[in-house]
């Protein structure tokens, strides 16, 4: 037999590789070997018919949390990921230099989802934050330990994470950003900054950012976001930063991170995020309003973002951040056979943002099949 598995009759949507249309996908040895019309079914050990479905690269969620407060999604990570077509995810700074080994242990022993991670600038990571933020005390900032942890985990750790906002940091000036910049430069990696409810104007924050660094929660509706003081017009500094390679990640999250009114205004002015992510936690997956990455993609499609644009921002672009663009986030022959098969279902659906707004949508993405390394990892029950 020429193929181990043949996905037959679906609509391939892989804008990053310029693959679009009624194409079959053939897999051998965990690798995609052919993408073409009408591949021979008789050459496959197993054929799965995916007619009237969209065949996408396995989704890549570049902002989620496995080990907030030491556990959170933990051993449930695979359950949430495979059912939503996510085959790769990145933990966005749950742990710092003092507890990163805990995250590593969970991933190595209990998680099959391909995973990378940012290391929190705070030595304690995101823990006990209902009492005080992880950087409420300056002595918790550990740029040397953060850089050392990245160096010791080069196959896993990809950058520095800073959460900046009221009750999160010891200083409301740009001092925390300068410390994060120091850590990232020592490690030779990007930094990612959470910016909701920031007391510092975004143009001032952006002074510390270089090409490849990431602003996350870019669609929050609070003060000092991507819009000016009246929240009506996109800041020119934001446009320039994105043009110069600073990455803006939408990261839905649960509280105050994702605002429908702000999104509508930003999209009307032509501002799309570079990456679409969930900021998924156990609570966000089970209680909402996040639920999963396809739900976030569906919300943006409601505001007019095309299917191709949301797929690109949930596959190739985040794969590039993770340094895996040659392996995942694509259906190009030679890539790992991580594949997600979706239905775009026309039906009324109530969407919620993280600011208490709701609206009625008309369609949503529903995952029916997830392949990881060429093997069926999830099939939606009939």
Protein backbone atom coordinates (compact mmCIF):
# COMPACT_ATOMS: atom_id res chain seq x y z
CA UNK A 1 0.00 0.00 0.00
CA UNK A 2 1.21 3.46 -0.88
CA UNK A 3 -0.58 5.32 1.93
CA UNK A 4 -1.39 4.55 5.55
CA UNK A 5 -4.36 6.93 5.57
CA UNK A 6 -6.27 8.91 2.95
CA UNK A 7 -8.57 11.84 3.78
CA UNK A 8 -10.85 11.96 0.78
CA UNK A 9 -13.23 14.52 -0.64
CA UNK A 10 -12.74 17.45 1.72
CA UNK A 11 -12.12 21.15 1.14
CA UNK A 12 -8.50 21.81 2.06
CA UNK A 13 -7.90 25.21 3.66
CA UNK A 14 -4.21 25.90 4.18
CA UNK A 15 -3.56 29.48 3.08
CA UNK A 16 -0.04 29.44 4.51
CA UNK A 17 0.95 26.83 1.93
CA UNK A 18 -1.40 28.11 -0.78
CA UNK A 19 -3.39 24.88 -0.68
CA UNK A 20 -7.10 25.50 -1.24
CA UNK A 21 -9.84 23.45 -2.86
CA UNK A 22 -11.28 19.96 -3.20
CA UNK A 23 -8.16 17.96 -2.46
CA UNK A 24 -7.33 14.61 -0.92
CA UNK A 25 -4.65 14.35 1.77
CA UNK A 26 -2.47 11.24 1.87
CA UNK A 27 -0.43 10.24 4.92
CA UNK A 28 2.36 7.71 5.38
CA UNK A 29 4.49 7.11 8.46
CA UNK A 30 3.06 10.09 10.31
CA UNK A 31 3.95 12.46 7.46
CA UNK A 32 1.83 14.13 4.79
CA UNK A 33 3.05 12.74 1.47
CA UNK A 34 0.55 14.02 -1.12
CA UNK A 35 -2.17 16.67 -1.40
CA UNK A 36 -3.95 16.46 -4.73
CA UNK A 37 -7.34 15.84 -6.35
CA UNK A 38 -8.68 12.28 -6.63
CA UNK A 39 -5.85 10.28 -5.08
CA UNK A 40 -6.33 6.49 -5.52
CA UNK A 41 -8.37 5.05 -2.66
CA UNK A 42 -7.12 1.56 -3.45
CA UNK A 43 -3.61 2.63 -2.49
CA UNK A 44 -4.58 3.41 1.11
CA UNK A 45 -4.82 1.05 4.06
CA UNK A 46 -7.60 3.23 5.45
CA UNK A 47 -9.74 5.91 3.85
CA UNK A 48 -11.82 8.46 5.74
CA UNK A 49 -14.37 10.36 3.69
CA UNK A 50 -14.53 14.01 4.74
CA UNK A 51 -16.91 15.30 2.10
CA UNK A 52 -18.55 18.65 2.99
CA UNK A 53 -15.89 19.25 5.61
CA UNK A 54 -12.95 21.65 5.81
CA UNK A 55 -9.54 20.00 6.15
CA UNK A 56 -7.13 22.25 8.06
CA UNK A 57 -3.65 21.88 9.51
CA UNK A 58 -3.81 20.92 13.17
CA UNK A 59 -4.46 24.13 15.08
CA UNK A 60 -1.67 25.83 17.02
CA UNK A 61 -2.74 27.69 20.18
CA UNK A 62 0.13 30.01 21.11
CA UNK A 63 -1.36 31.21 24.42
CA UNK A 64 -2.89 28.81 26.93
CA UNK A 65 -2.13 27.62 30.48
CA UNK A 66 -1.33 24.13 31.68
CA UNK A 67 -0.03 24.89 35.16
CA UNK A 68 -1.44 28.13 36.60
CA UNK A 69 -1.26 27.72 40.39
CA UNK A 70 0.73 24.56 39.83
CA UNK A 71 -1.86 22.54 37.91
CA UNK A 72 -4.96 23.99 36.16
CA UNK A 73 -5.49 22.17 32.84
CA UNK A 74 -2.71 19.76 33.75
CA UNK A 75 -3.69 16.21 32.82
CA UNK A 76 -6.84 17.52 31.11
CA UNK A 77 -4.81 19.38 28.48
CA UNK A 78 -5.14 16.63 25.87
CA UNK A 79 -8.87 16.27 26.47
CA UNK A 80 -9.49 19.92 25.66
CA UNK A 81 -6.99 20.14 22.80
CA UNK A 82 -7.82 17.05 20.76
CA UNK A 83 -11.58 17.71 20.83
CA UNK A 84 -10.98 21.18 19.38
CA UNK A 85 -8.49 20.28 16.67
CA UNK A 86 -5.52 21.74 18.56
CA UNK A 87 -2.44 19.56 18.13
CA UNK A 88 0.14 22.06 19.40
CA UNK A 89 -0.06 24.64 22.15
CA UNK A 90 2.16 27.01 24.10
CA UNK A 91 1.94 27.58 27.83
CA UNK A 92 2.15 31.37 28.19
CA UNK A 93 4.15 31.79 31.37
CA UNK A 94 2.38 29.70 33.98
CA UNK A 95 5.70 29.00 35.67
CA UNK A 96 8.91 30.85 36.49
CA UNK A 97 12.45 29.76 37.28
CA UNK A 98 11.50 28.26 40.67
CA UNK A 99 8.68 26.02 39.45
CA UNK A 100 9.27 25.53 35.73
CA UNK A 101 10.38 21.97 36.46
CA UNK A 102 6.80 21.24 37.56
CA UNK A 103 5.43 22.31 34.20
CA UNK A 104 8.10 20.29 32.43
CA UNK A 105 7.18 17.20 34.47
CA UNK A 106 3.46 17.52 33.67
CA UNK A 107 4.17 17.91 29.96
CA UNK A 108 6.70 15.07 29.85
CA UNK A 109 4.54 12.60 31.76
CA UNK A 110 0.88 13.47 31.18
CA UNK A 111 0.50 15.56 28.00
CA UNK A 112 0.65 14.30 24.42
CA UNK A 113 -0.27 17.61 22.82
CA UNK A 114 2.90 19.05 21.31
CA UNK A 115 3.86 21.81 23.74
CA UNK A 116 6.22 24.75 24.09
CA UNK A 117 6.35 27.33 26.88
CA UNK A 118 7.25 30.86 27.88
CA UNK A 119 9.04 31.27 31.21
CA UNK A 120 7.53 33.85 33.55
CA UNK A 121 9.80 36.71 34.56
CA UNK A 122 8.57 36.13 38.12
CA UNK A 123 10.43 33.30 39.81
CA UNK A 124 7.13 32.00 41.29
CA UNK A 125 5.15 32.16 38.05
CA UNK A 126 1.38 32.67 38.10
CA UNK A 127 0.60 31.34 41.54
CA UNK A 128 -1.41 32.69 44.45
CA UNK A 129 -2.46 35.69 42.35
CA UNK A 130 -5.83 36.01 44.10
CA UNK A 131 -3.79 37.39 46.99
CA UNK A 132 -1.18 39.37 45.07
CA UNK A 133 0.38 39.40 41.62
CA UNK A 134 3.45 37.34 40.83
CA UNK A 135 5.53 40.54 40.46
CA UNK A 136 3.98 42.55 43.29
CA UNK A 137 7.40 42.43 44.93
CA UNK A 138 10.44 43.40 42.89
CA UNK A 139 12.55 40.66 44.41
CA UNK A 140 10.38 38.10 42.59
CA UNK A 141 11.66 39.42 39.26
CA UNK A 142 14.39 37.01 38.22
CA UNK A 143 15.85 37.86 34.81
CA UNK A 144 18.98 35.77 35.32
CA UNK A 145 16.99 32.74 36.50
CA UNK A 146 14.51 33.17 33.67
CA UNK A 147 17.29 33.25 31.06
CA UNK A 148 19.01 30.29 32.72
CA UNK A 149 15.78 28.27 32.70
CA UNK A 150 15.33 28.93 28.98
CA UNK A 151 18.93 27.88 28.31
CA UNK A 152 18.41 24.66 30.29
CA UNK A 153 15.22 23.82 28.40
CA UNK A 154 16.04 24.82 24.83
CA UNK A 155 13.82 22.09 23.37
CA UNK A 156 10.82 23.42 25.30
CA UNK A 157 11.18 27.03 26.48
CA UNK A 158 10.89 29.72 23.80
CA UNK A 159 10.71 33.10 25.53
CA UNK A 160 10.01 35.39 28.48
CA UNK A 161 6.51 36.22 29.76
CA UNK A 162 5.57 39.39 31.64
CA UNK A 163 2.10 40.13 32.99
CA UNK A 164 1.79 43.87 33.47
CA UNK A 165 -1.11 45.64 35.12
CA UNK A 166 -2.60 46.80 38.44
CA UNK A 167 -1.70 44.51 41.35
CA UNK A 168 0.54 42.45 39.07
CA UNK A 169 3.81 44.41 39.13
CA UNK A 170 5.81 46.31 41.73
CA UNK A 171 6.18 49.43 39.59
CA UNK A 172 3.72 51.04 37.18
CA UNK A 173 6.47 52.66 35.10
CA UNK A 174 8.25 50.88 32.27
CA UNK A 175 10.73 49.34 34.74
CA UNK A 176 9.19 45.81 34.55
CA UNK A 177 9.45 45.90 30.75
CA UNK A 178 13.11 46.83 30.97
CA UNK A 179 13.75 43.87 33.26
CA UNK A 180 11.84 41.55 30.91
CA UNK A 181 13.82 42.97 27.99
CA UNK A 182 17.04 42.18 29.87
CA UNK A 183 15.93 38.57 30.42
CA UNK A 184 14.88 38.10 26.80
CA UNK A 185 18.13 39.57 25.50
CA UNK A 186 20.19 37.34 27.79
CA UNK A 187 18.25 34.31 26.58
CA UNK A 188 18.25 35.41 22.94
CA UNK A 189 14.49 34.90 22.71
CA UNK A 190 11.34 37.02 22.29
CA UNK A 191 9.27 38.33 25.15
CA UNK A 192 5.49 38.24 25.48
CA UNK A 193 3.63 40.87 27.51
CA UNK A 194 0.10 40.74 28.90
CA UNK A 195 -1.18 44.33 28.80
CA UNK A 196 -4.78 44.45 30.06
CA UNK A 197 -5.74 47.32 32.40
CA UNK A 198 -2.24 48.70 32.01
CA UNK A 199 -1.57 52.02 33.76
CA UNK A 200 1.08 52.80 31.12
CA UNK A 201 0.16 54.00 27.60
CA UNK A 202 0.83 51.36 24.96
CA UNK A 203 3.19 53.59 22.90
CA UNK A 204 5.46 53.80 25.95
CA UNK A 205 5.31 50.02 26.39
CA UNK A 206 6.18 49.47 22.74
CA UNK A 207 9.47 51.32 23.20
CA UNK A 208 10.83 48.15 24.86
CA UNK A 209 9.69 45.86 22.05
CA UNK A 210 11.66 44.41 19.18
CA UNK A 211 10.74 42.47 16.07
CA UNK A 212 9.31 39.08 17.10
CA UNK A 213 8.17 40.22 20.55
CA UNK A 214 4.49 39.69 21.35
CA UNK A 215 1.75 41.91 22.75
CA UNK A 216 -0.98 39.60 23.99
CA UNK A 217 -4.64 40.41 24.75
CA UNK A 218 -4.47 43.09 22.06
CA UNK A 219 -8.30 43.19 21.83
CA UNK A 220 -8.93 44.15 25.46
CA UNK A 221 -11.35 47.04 25.83
CA UNK A 222 -9.77 48.78 28.82
CA UNK A 223 -7.54 51.83 29.16
CA UNK A 224 -4.26 52.17 27.28
CA UNK A 225 -4.99 49.59 24.62
CA UNK A 226 -4.53 49.68 20.85
CA UNK A 227 -7.00 52.56 20.53
CA UNK A 228 -6.54 56.16 21.69
CA UNK A 229 -8.06 57.58 24.91
CA UNK A 230 -11.59 57.72 23.44
CA UNK A 231 -11.24 54.15 22.12
CA UNK A 232 -12.27 55.28 18.66
CA UNK A 233 -9.15 55.27 16.49
CA UNK A 234 -6.22 52.88 16.20
CA UNK A 235 -2.94 54.32 17.51
CA UNK A 236 -0.36 55.03 14.81
CA UNK A 237 2.30 53.52 17.07
CA UNK A 238 0.40 50.22 16.99
CA UNK A 239 0.24 50.25 13.19
CA UNK A 240 3.96 51.01 12.99
CA UNK A 241 4.89 48.37 15.54
CA UNK A 242 2.93 45.67 13.69
CA UNK A 243 4.49 46.77 10.40
CA UNK A 244 7.93 46.48 12.02
CA UNK A 245 7.35 42.92 13.21
CA UNK A 246 5.91 43.21 16.72
CA UNK A 247 3.31 40.44 16.98
CA UNK A 248 -0.19 41.23 18.26
CA UNK A 249 -1.99 38.21 19.73
CA UNK A 250 -5.70 38.37 20.58
CA UNK A 251 -5.73 35.78 23.46
CA UNK A 252 -9.38 35.61 24.50
CA UNK A 253 -9.19 34.76 28.21
CA UNK A 254 -11.91 35.04 30.82
CA UNK A 255 -11.91 38.53 32.36
CA UNK A 256 -11.44 41.82 30.56
CA UNK A 257 -9.23 40.48 27.76
CA UNK A 258 -11.51 40.28 24.69
CA UNK A 259 -14.06 43.01 23.93
CA UNK A 260 -16.62 42.78 21.14
CA UNK A 261 -17.04 46.59 20.76
CA UNK A 262 -13.26 47.05 20.56
CA UNK A 263 -12.89 44.18 18.07
CA UNK A 264 -15.54 45.61 15.78
CA UNK A 265 -13.85 49.02 15.73
CA UNK A 266 -10.37 47.55 15.21
CA UNK A 267 -11.50 45.36 12.33
CA UNK A 268 -13.36 48.24 10.72
CA UNK A 269 -10.03 50.09 10.71
CA UNK A 270 -8.21 47.13 9.17
CA UNK A 271 -6.40 45.86 12.27
CA UNK A 272 -6.25 42.06 12.43
CA UNK A 273 -4.30 40.22 15.11
CA UNK A 274 -1.22 38.37 13.90
CA UNK A 275 -2.23 35.32 15.92
CA UNK A 276 -5.49 34.00 17.32
CA UNK A 277 -5.21 32.23 20.66
CA UNK A 278 -7.48 31.16 23.48
CA UNK A 279 -5.68 31.91 26.77
CA UNK A 280 -7.37 28.67 27.75
CA UNK A 281 -7.54 27.53 31.35
CA UNK A 282 -9.63 24.79 32.95
CA UNK A 283 -12.25 27.36 33.95
CA UNK A 284 -12.27 28.97 30.51
CA UNK A 285 -12.75 25.60 28.85
CA UNK A 286 -15.53 24.40 31.13
CA UNK A 287 -17.31 27.60 32.22
CA UNK A 288 -16.58 29.85 29.24
CA UNK A 289 -16.66 32.26 27.63
CA UNK A 290 -13.60 30.90 25.81
CA UNK A 291 -14.40 27.17 25.55
CA UNK A 292 -11.80 26.49 22.85
CA UNK A 293 -9.76 27.96 20.00
CA UNK A 294 -12.36 27.23 17.25
CA UNK A 295 -14.90 29.26 19.27
CA UNK A 296 -12.52 32.23 19.28
CA UNK A 297 -12.02 31.81 15.54
CA UNK A 298 -15.80 31.67 15.05
CA UNK A 299 -16.27 34.91 16.99
CA UNK A 300 -13.84 36.74 14.73
CA UNK A 301 -15.54 35.30 11.65
CA UNK A 302 -18.80 36.75 12.95
CA UNK A 303 -17.19 40.20 12.60
CA UNK A 304 -16.18 39.52 9.02
CA UNK A 305 -12.75 37.92 9.24
CA UNK A 306 -12.50 35.30 6.49
CA UNK A 307 -12.04 31.59 7.10
CA UNK A 308 -8.65 31.75 5.37
CA UNK A 309 -7.50 34.60 7.62
CA UNK A 310 -8.51 32.89 10.88
CA UNK A 311 -6.90 29.61 9.76
CA UNK A 312 -3.63 31.36 8.89
CA UNK A 313 -3.57 33.01 12.33
CA UNK A 314 -4.26 29.74 14.13
CA UNK A 315 -1.81 27.58 12.17
CA UNK A 316 1.18 28.93 10.24
CA UNK A 317 1.71 32.21 12.11
CA UNK A 318 1.77 30.72 15.64
CA UNK A 319 3.84 27.77 14.38
CA UNK A 320 6.44 30.33 13.31
CA UNK A 321 6.51 31.82 16.84
CA UNK A 322 7.12 28.36 18.25
CA UNK A 323 9.95 27.76 15.76
CA UNK A 324 8.07 24.84 14.20
CA UNK A 325 6.89 26.33 10.90
CA UNK A 326 8.65 23.62 8.86
CA UNK A 327 6.93 20.83 10.79
CA UNK A 328 3.41 21.89 11.78
CA UNK A 329 0.70 24.40 10.93
CA UNK A 330 0.73 23.24 7.33
CA UNK A 331 -0.54 20.44 5.09
CA UNK A 332 2.45 20.75 2.79
CA UNK A 333 3.95 17.35 1.83
CA UNK A 334 6.81 16.55 4.18
CA UNK A 335 5.14 18.12 7.22
CA UNK A 336 3.96 16.21 10.26
CA UNK A 337 0.51 14.77 9.70
CA UNK A 338 -1.32 16.92 12.23
CA UNK A 339 -4.74 17.58 10.71
CA UNK A 340 -8.10 18.90 11.90
CA UNK A 341 -11.37 18.38 10.03
CA UNK A 342 -14.08 20.95 10.64
CA UNK A 343 -17.67 21.67 9.78
CA UNK A 344 -18.74 25.29 9.39
CA UNK A 345 -22.24 24.86 10.71
CA UNK A 346 -24.99 27.37 9.94
CA UNK A 347 -27.02 27.67 13.12
CA UNK A 348 -27.86 30.30 15.74
CA UNK A 349 -25.15 30.49 18.37
CA UNK A 350 -24.77 32.84 21.32
CA UNK A 351 -21.28 34.28 21.67
CA UNK A 352 -19.91 36.04 24.76
CA UNK A 353 -16.81 38.20 25.15
CA UNK A 354 -14.92 38.60 28.43
CA UNK A 355 -16.50 41.97 29.27
CA UNK A 356 -20.09 40.77 29.67
CA UNK A 357 -21.26 41.49 26.12
CA UNK A 358 -23.18 38.88 24.14
CA UNK A 359 -24.42 38.58 20.57
CA UNK A 360 -26.13 36.06 18.35
CA UNK A 361 -23.96 34.52 15.67
CA UNK A 362 -25.13 32.58 12.64
CA UNK A 363 -22.39 29.97 12.23
CA UNK A 364 -19.54 28.31 14.05
CA UNK A 365 -16.66 25.96 13.49
CA UNK A 366 -17.14 22.45 14.90
CA UNK A 367 -14.32 19.92 14.95
CA UNK A 368 -15.14 16.42 13.71
CA UNK A 369 -11.74 14.76 13.45
CA UNK A 370 -8.24 15.36 14.80
CA UNK A 371 -5.14 13.56 13.56
CA UNK A 372 -1.89 13.74 15.47
CA UNK A 373 1.15 12.31 13.73
CA UNK A 374 -1.11 10.64 11.17
CA UNK A 375 -3.18 8.76 13.74
CA UNK A 376 -6.77 9.46 14.69
CA UNK A 377 -6.66 11.27 18.01
CA UNK A 378 -10.29 12.37 18.20
CA UNK A 379 -13.51 11.61 16.35
CA UNK A 380 -16.66 13.55 17.14
CA UNK A 381 -19.45 11.22 18.27
CA UNK A 382 -22.36 11.00 15.83
